[in-house]
N, C-alpha and C. Protein backbone atom coordinates (compact mmCIF):
# COMPACT_ATOMS: atom_id res chain seq x y z
N MET A 1 106.62 245.04 85.47
CA MET A 1 106.52 245.02 84.01
C MET A 1 105.05 245.11 83.61
N THR A 2 104.80 245.83 82.55
CA THR A 2 103.46 245.92 82.02
C THR A 2 103.17 244.67 81.18
N ARG A 3 101.91 244.47 80.87
CA ARG A 3 101.52 243.34 80.01
C ARG A 3 102.23 243.44 78.65
N ASP A 4 102.33 244.63 78.09
CA ASP A 4 103.00 244.79 76.80
C ASP A 4 104.50 244.49 76.90
N GLU A 5 105.15 244.88 78.01
CA GLU A 5 106.56 244.57 78.21
C GLU A 5 106.78 243.07 78.35
N ILE A 6 105.88 242.42 79.08
CA ILE A 6 105.98 240.96 79.24
C ILE A 6 105.80 240.28 77.88
N ALA A 7 104.80 240.70 77.12
CA ALA A 7 104.57 240.12 75.80
C ALA A 7 105.79 240.29 74.89
N ALA A 8 106.39 241.48 74.93
CA ALA A 8 107.56 241.74 74.10
C ALA A 8 108.75 240.88 74.55
N LEU A 9 108.93 240.73 75.87
CA LEU A 9 110.01 239.89 76.37
C LEU A 9 109.79 238.44 75.95
N LEU A 10 108.55 237.98 76.02
CA LEU A 10 108.25 236.58 75.61
C LEU A 10 108.49 236.39 74.11
N ASP A 11 108.16 237.37 73.31
CA ASP A 11 108.47 237.27 71.87
C ASP A 11 109.97 237.06 71.66
N ARG A 12 110.78 237.86 72.38
CA ARG A 12 112.24 237.71 72.28
C ARG A 12 112.70 236.36 72.84
N TYR A 13 112.08 235.94 73.94
CA TYR A 13 112.43 234.67 74.57
C TYR A 13 112.16 233.50 73.60
N PHE A 14 110.98 233.44 73.03
CA PHE A 14 110.65 232.32 72.14
C PHE A 14 111.48 232.37 70.87
N ALA A 15 111.83 233.57 70.39
CA ALA A 15 112.70 233.68 69.21
C ALA A 15 114.12 233.13 69.55
N ALA A 16 114.60 233.47 70.74
CA ALA A 16 115.92 232.97 71.15
C ALA A 16 115.90 231.45 71.40
N MET A 17 114.79 230.94 71.93
CA MET A 17 114.66 229.47 72.10
C MET A 17 114.67 228.77 70.74
N ARG A 18 113.91 229.31 69.78
CA ARG A 18 113.87 228.70 68.45
C ARG A 18 115.27 228.76 67.79
N ALA A 19 116.01 229.82 68.09
CA ALA A 19 117.37 229.97 67.53
C ALA A 19 118.43 229.21 68.33
N ARG A 20 118.02 228.67 69.48
CA ARG A 20 118.94 227.95 70.39
C ARG A 20 120.10 228.87 70.77
N ASP A 21 119.76 230.13 71.08
CA ASP A 21 120.77 231.17 71.36
C ASP A 21 120.79 231.46 72.88
N VAL A 22 121.61 230.73 73.60
CA VAL A 22 121.69 230.90 75.07
C VAL A 22 122.18 232.31 75.42
N ASP A 23 123.08 232.87 74.63
CA ASP A 23 123.59 234.20 74.92
C ASP A 23 122.48 235.27 74.83
N ALA A 24 121.49 235.05 73.96
CA ALA A 24 120.35 235.96 73.87
C ALA A 24 119.33 235.66 74.97
N LEU A 25 119.24 234.41 75.41
CA LEU A 25 118.26 234.06 76.44
C LEU A 25 118.63 234.62 77.82
N MET A 26 119.86 234.56 78.20
CA MET A 26 120.27 234.81 79.58
C MET A 26 120.02 236.25 80.06
N PRO A 27 120.19 237.26 79.25
CA PRO A 27 119.88 238.60 79.77
C PRO A 27 118.40 238.83 80.10
N MET A 28 117.55 237.92 79.65
CA MET A 28 116.11 238.04 79.96
C MET A 28 115.78 237.51 81.33
N HIS A 29 116.73 236.86 82.01
CA HIS A 29 116.50 236.26 83.33
C HIS A 29 117.12 237.14 84.41
N ILE A 30 116.45 237.19 85.57
CA ILE A 30 117.02 237.91 86.69
C ILE A 30 118.07 237.01 87.35
N ASP A 31 118.95 237.61 88.15
CA ASP A 31 120.05 236.83 88.75
C ASP A 31 119.58 235.65 89.60
N LYS A 32 118.50 235.82 90.31
CA LYS A 32 118.04 234.74 91.22
C LYS A 32 116.92 233.90 90.59
N CYS A 33 116.95 233.76 89.28
CA CYS A 33 115.92 232.99 88.59
C CYS A 33 115.99 231.51 88.95
N THR A 34 114.88 230.83 88.72
CA THR A 34 114.79 229.41 89.03
C THR A 34 114.31 228.65 87.80
N TRP A 35 114.59 227.35 87.80
CA TRP A 35 114.18 226.42 86.73
C TRP A 35 113.71 225.16 87.43
N ASP A 36 112.56 224.64 87.02
CA ASP A 36 112.10 223.39 87.61
C ASP A 36 111.46 222.55 86.49
N GLY A 37 111.99 221.36 86.29
CA GLY A 37 111.46 220.49 85.26
C GLY A 37 111.92 219.06 85.46
N PRO A 38 111.23 218.12 84.86
CA PRO A 38 111.51 216.70 85.07
C PRO A 38 112.91 216.25 84.64
N ALA A 39 113.40 216.74 83.52
CA ALA A 39 114.67 216.24 83.00
C ALA A 39 115.90 216.77 83.76
N ILE A 40 115.81 217.99 84.25
CA ILE A 40 116.97 218.61 84.85
C ILE A 40 116.81 218.84 86.36
N GLY A 41 115.61 218.92 86.85
CA GLY A 41 115.35 219.14 88.24
C GLY A 41 115.16 220.58 88.61
N THR A 42 115.40 220.92 89.85
CA THR A 42 115.22 222.27 90.33
C THR A 42 116.59 222.97 90.41
N LEU A 43 116.65 224.11 89.78
CA LEU A 43 117.90 224.89 89.72
C LEU A 43 117.63 226.29 90.23
N LYS A 44 118.66 226.88 90.82
CA LYS A 44 118.54 228.24 91.35
C LYS A 44 119.72 229.08 90.91
N GLY A 45 119.45 230.23 90.37
CA GLY A 45 120.48 231.15 89.96
C GLY A 45 120.76 231.10 88.47
N LYS A 46 121.20 232.22 87.98
CA LYS A 46 121.40 232.41 86.53
C LYS A 46 122.42 231.43 85.96
N ASP A 47 123.49 231.15 86.69
CA ASP A 47 124.52 230.22 86.18
C ASP A 47 123.97 228.82 85.97
N GLN A 48 123.17 228.34 86.91
CA GLN A 48 122.57 227.00 86.77
C GLN A 48 121.54 226.98 85.66
N VAL A 49 120.76 228.01 85.53
CA VAL A 49 119.75 228.08 84.47
C VAL A 49 120.44 228.11 83.11
N GLU A 50 121.52 228.86 83.00
CA GLU A 50 122.26 228.88 81.73
C GLU A 50 122.78 227.49 81.37
N GLU A 51 123.29 226.76 82.36
CA GLU A 51 123.79 225.43 82.12
C GLU A 51 122.63 224.50 81.67
N ALA A 52 121.45 224.70 82.21
CA ALA A 52 120.28 223.91 81.79
C ALA A 52 119.97 224.11 80.30
N TYR A 53 119.98 225.35 79.84
CA TYR A 53 119.75 225.61 78.45
C TYR A 53 120.83 224.94 77.59
N ARG A 54 122.07 225.04 78.03
CA ARG A 54 123.20 224.45 77.25
C ARG A 54 123.05 222.91 77.21
N ARG A 55 122.63 222.31 78.32
CA ARG A 55 122.42 220.86 78.34
C ARG A 55 121.30 220.46 77.37
N MET A 56 120.19 221.20 77.39
CA MET A 56 119.10 220.90 76.47
C MET A 56 119.53 220.91 75.02
N ILE A 57 120.32 221.94 74.68
CA ILE A 57 120.83 222.07 73.31
C ILE A 57 121.79 220.94 72.96
N ALA A 58 122.60 220.51 73.95
CA ALA A 58 123.53 219.40 73.70
C ALA A 58 122.73 218.11 73.47
N TRP A 59 121.65 217.91 74.21
CA TRP A 59 120.84 216.70 74.03
C TRP A 59 120.14 216.70 72.69
N PHE A 60 119.60 217.87 72.30
CA PHE A 60 118.78 217.99 71.08
C PHE A 60 119.26 219.22 70.31
N PRO A 61 120.39 219.13 69.59
CA PRO A 61 120.98 220.31 68.96
C PRO A 61 120.07 220.98 67.87
N ASP A 62 119.11 220.22 67.37
CA ASP A 62 118.22 220.79 66.37
C ASP A 62 116.82 221.05 66.92
N MET A 63 116.73 221.20 68.27
CA MET A 63 115.40 221.30 68.89
C MET A 63 114.59 222.43 68.30
N GLU A 64 113.29 222.19 68.24
CA GLU A 64 112.33 223.17 67.70
C GLU A 64 111.16 223.25 68.67
N PHE A 65 110.51 224.41 68.62
CA PHE A 65 109.33 224.64 69.45
C PHE A 65 108.23 225.22 68.58
N GLU A 66 107.09 224.55 68.61
CA GLU A 66 105.91 225.11 67.97
C GLU A 66 104.98 225.57 69.07
N GLN A 67 104.79 226.90 69.12
CA GLN A 67 103.96 227.46 70.16
C GLN A 67 102.48 227.38 69.75
N HIS A 68 101.65 226.86 70.66
CA HIS A 68 100.23 226.74 70.38
C HIS A 68 99.40 227.74 71.10
N ARG A 69 99.78 228.11 72.30
CA ARG A 69 98.99 229.04 73.09
C ARG A 69 99.89 229.77 74.09
N LEU A 70 99.51 231.02 74.34
CA LEU A 70 100.22 231.81 75.37
C LEU A 70 99.15 232.57 76.17
N LEU A 71 99.19 232.37 77.48
CA LEU A 71 98.25 233.03 78.36
C LEU A 71 99.04 233.94 79.31
N LEU A 72 98.64 235.20 79.41
CA LEU A 72 99.31 236.16 80.28
C LEU A 72 98.33 236.58 81.38
N ASP A 73 98.79 236.60 82.63
CA ASP A 73 97.97 237.06 83.73
C ASP A 73 98.87 237.73 84.76
N GLY A 74 98.82 239.03 84.82
CA GLY A 74 99.65 239.74 85.79
C GLY A 74 101.13 239.49 85.45
N HIS A 75 101.87 239.03 86.46
CA HIS A 75 103.28 238.77 86.30
C HIS A 75 103.58 237.29 86.07
N ARG A 76 102.64 236.64 85.46
CA ARG A 76 102.79 235.21 85.14
C ARG A 76 102.30 234.93 83.73
N ALA A 77 102.87 233.88 83.13
CA ALA A 77 102.46 233.46 81.81
C ALA A 77 102.49 231.95 81.74
N VAL A 78 101.69 231.39 80.89
CA VAL A 78 101.71 229.96 80.62
C VAL A 78 101.78 229.78 79.13
N ALA A 79 102.75 229.03 78.66
CA ALA A 79 102.91 228.74 77.21
C ALA A 79 102.72 227.26 77.01
N VAL A 80 102.06 226.91 75.90
CA VAL A 80 101.88 225.55 75.50
C VAL A 80 102.56 225.40 74.17
N TRP A 81 103.46 224.43 74.07
CA TRP A 81 104.17 224.22 72.82
C TRP A 81 104.41 222.75 72.59
N THR A 82 104.83 222.42 71.38
CA THR A 82 105.30 221.09 71.06
C THR A 82 106.80 221.19 70.84
N PHE A 83 107.52 220.39 71.58
CA PHE A 83 108.99 220.31 71.47
C PHE A 83 109.30 219.17 70.50
N SER A 84 110.25 219.37 69.62
CA SER A 84 110.74 218.28 68.81
C SER A 84 112.24 218.46 68.62
N GLY A 85 112.95 217.35 68.44
CA GLY A 85 114.36 217.40 68.24
C GLY A 85 114.95 216.02 68.08
N THR A 86 116.17 215.98 67.55
CA THR A 86 116.88 214.73 67.35
C THR A 86 117.79 214.48 68.55
N HIS A 87 117.67 213.34 69.17
CA HIS A 87 118.43 212.96 70.36
C HIS A 87 119.88 212.69 69.96
N GLU A 88 120.76 213.66 70.20
CA GLU A 88 122.17 213.53 69.84
C GLU A 88 123.11 213.41 71.04
N GLY A 89 122.77 214.05 72.14
CA GLY A 89 123.62 214.01 73.34
C GLY A 89 123.01 213.13 74.41
N GLU A 90 123.79 212.83 75.46
CA GLU A 90 123.32 211.98 76.54
C GLU A 90 122.11 212.58 77.22
N PHE A 91 121.03 211.85 77.26
CA PHE A 91 119.77 212.31 77.85
C PHE A 91 119.20 211.14 78.68
N ALA A 92 118.91 211.43 79.93
CA ALA A 92 118.37 210.44 80.86
C ALA A 92 119.26 209.20 80.94
N GLY A 93 120.57 209.42 80.85
CA GLY A 93 121.51 208.31 80.96
C GLY A 93 121.74 207.53 79.67
N LEU A 94 121.11 207.92 78.58
CA LEU A 94 121.24 207.22 77.32
C LEU A 94 122.03 208.08 76.34
N PRO A 95 123.13 207.53 75.78
CA PRO A 95 123.86 208.28 74.74
C PRO A 95 122.94 208.58 73.57
N GLY A 96 123.30 209.57 72.80
CA GLY A 96 122.48 209.95 71.63
C GLY A 96 122.12 208.77 70.78
N THR A 97 120.85 208.74 70.33
CA THR A 97 120.37 207.63 69.51
C THR A 97 120.11 208.06 68.07
N GLY A 98 120.08 209.36 67.81
CA GLY A 98 119.73 209.84 66.47
C GLY A 98 118.23 209.81 66.23
N LYS A 99 117.45 209.42 67.22
CA LYS A 99 115.99 209.37 67.05
C LYS A 99 115.40 210.77 67.18
N ARG A 100 114.48 211.07 66.29
CA ARG A 100 113.74 212.33 66.36
C ARG A 100 112.49 212.10 67.21
N ILE A 101 112.33 212.93 68.23
CA ILE A 101 111.19 212.79 69.13
C ILE A 101 110.43 214.10 69.22
N SER A 102 109.20 214.02 69.66
CA SER A 102 108.42 215.22 69.95
C SER A 102 107.48 214.92 71.12
N PHE A 103 107.17 215.98 71.86
CA PHE A 103 106.22 215.87 72.95
C PHE A 103 105.70 217.26 73.31
N ASP A 104 104.52 217.28 73.93
CA ASP A 104 103.92 218.55 74.30
C ASP A 104 104.46 219.02 75.64
N VAL A 105 104.60 220.34 75.77
CA VAL A 105 105.17 220.96 76.96
C VAL A 105 104.27 222.12 77.40
N LEU A 106 104.08 222.23 78.69
CA LEU A 106 103.47 223.43 79.24
C LEU A 106 104.54 224.06 80.14
N VAL A 107 104.78 225.33 79.94
CA VAL A 107 105.76 226.01 80.80
C VAL A 107 105.09 227.22 81.49
N ALA A 108 105.22 227.24 82.81
CA ALA A 108 104.72 228.38 83.60
C ALA A 108 105.91 229.30 83.84
N ILE A 109 105.71 230.57 83.53
CA ILE A 109 106.79 231.56 83.60
C ILE A 109 106.37 232.66 84.56
N ARG A 110 107.26 233.00 85.49
CA ARG A 110 107.03 234.05 86.47
C ARG A 110 108.00 235.19 86.20
N PHE A 111 107.52 236.42 86.31
CA PHE A 111 108.32 237.58 86.06
C PHE A 111 108.49 238.39 87.33
N GLU A 112 109.68 239.01 87.45
CA GLU A 112 109.99 239.86 88.60
C GLU A 112 110.86 240.99 88.09
N GLY A 113 110.63 242.20 88.51
CA GLY A 113 111.43 243.32 88.04
C GLY A 113 111.33 243.43 86.54
N THR A 114 112.44 243.26 85.85
CA THR A 114 112.46 243.40 84.38
C THR A 114 112.76 242.10 83.67
N GLY A 115 112.57 240.97 84.34
CA GLY A 115 112.95 239.74 83.65
C GLY A 115 112.22 238.50 84.15
N ILE A 116 112.66 237.37 83.63
CA ILE A 116 112.13 236.08 83.99
C ILE A 116 112.69 235.65 85.34
N ALA A 117 111.80 235.35 86.28
CA ALA A 117 112.23 234.96 87.61
C ALA A 117 112.13 233.46 87.82
N GLY A 118 111.23 232.81 87.06
CA GLY A 118 111.06 231.37 87.25
C GLY A 118 110.46 230.70 86.04
N LEU A 119 110.92 229.51 85.79
CA LEU A 119 110.40 228.66 84.70
C LEU A 119 110.06 227.31 85.31
N ARG A 120 108.87 226.84 85.05
CA ARG A 120 108.47 225.50 85.53
C ARG A 120 107.88 224.75 84.34
N PHE A 121 108.53 223.66 84.00
CA PHE A 121 108.18 222.86 82.82
C PHE A 121 107.35 221.65 83.23
N PHE A 122 106.29 221.37 82.49
CA PHE A 122 105.43 220.23 82.70
C PHE A 122 105.35 219.43 81.41
N TYR A 123 105.74 218.17 81.46
CA TYR A 123 105.60 217.27 80.33
C TYR A 123 105.77 215.84 80.82
N ASP A 124 105.39 214.91 79.98
CA ASP A 124 105.48 213.48 80.33
C ASP A 124 106.94 213.02 80.10
N PHE A 125 107.72 213.07 81.17
CA PHE A 125 109.15 212.73 81.07
C PHE A 125 109.34 211.28 80.68
N ASN A 126 108.51 210.39 81.21
CA ASN A 126 108.64 208.96 80.86
C ASN A 126 108.36 208.73 79.37
N ALA A 127 107.37 209.42 78.83
CA ALA A 127 107.09 209.28 77.40
C ALA A 127 108.28 209.80 76.58
N ALA A 128 108.87 210.91 77.00
CA ALA A 128 110.06 211.44 76.29
C ALA A 128 111.18 210.43 76.34
N LYS A 129 111.42 209.84 77.51
CA LYS A 129 112.46 208.82 77.63
C LYS A 129 112.16 207.59 76.78
N MET A 130 110.92 207.18 76.74
CA MET A 130 110.55 206.02 75.92
C MET A 130 110.83 206.29 74.44
N LYS A 131 110.55 207.52 74.01
CA LYS A 131 110.77 207.86 72.59
C LYS A 131 112.23 207.81 72.21
N THR A 132 113.13 208.11 73.17
CA THR A 132 114.56 208.03 72.88
C THR A 132 115.10 206.63 73.05
N GLY A 133 114.36 205.79 73.75
CA GLY A 133 114.80 204.42 74.05
C GLY A 133 115.43 204.29 75.41
N ALA A 134 115.47 205.39 76.19
CA ALA A 134 116.09 205.36 77.50
C ALA A 134 115.23 204.66 78.54
N PHE A 135 113.96 204.53 78.25
CA PHE A 135 113.04 203.94 79.18
C PHE A 135 112.12 202.99 78.38
N LYS A 136 112.10 201.77 78.82
CA LYS A 136 111.31 200.74 78.08
C LYS A 136 110.23 200.22 79.00
N VAL A 137 109.08 199.94 78.39
CA VAL A 137 107.96 199.38 79.12
C VAL A 137 107.76 197.95 78.64
N LYS A 138 107.68 197.02 79.60
CA LYS A 138 107.43 195.64 79.26
C LYS A 138 105.91 195.40 79.26
N PRO A 139 105.41 194.70 78.26
CA PRO A 139 103.97 194.40 78.25
C PRO A 139 103.63 193.50 79.45
N VAL A 140 102.45 193.71 79.95
CA VAL A 140 101.98 192.94 81.11
C VAL A 140 101.17 191.76 80.63
């Protein structure tokens, strides 16, 4: 893929993420794509990645992404965004709380052929769990 093709695919990807449209997201991934992140773990294959998107939407049905930066280098990209959403579905073992949370995310994206081959998410999972109430810290 050329830099322009990757940029166009990422525009479509982020639009589909903002729309929470899994059916639009999945054709952008190659069959052997991977997903790696703190909340869901390591997944391999398009079916598992699709399920990860659906789980995220179930946890936070009104999730939003504010993109701050996008860096492209060859067949890789890094996006920095702020995630926000209302905790409605079971997340980290805690039933929906109705709490609105937000946290910063860095996602490393790898491309192969004509699509997304890998997604790796970096964020403070414990802070996200604390904001939902699933993880509590006792003062020392």
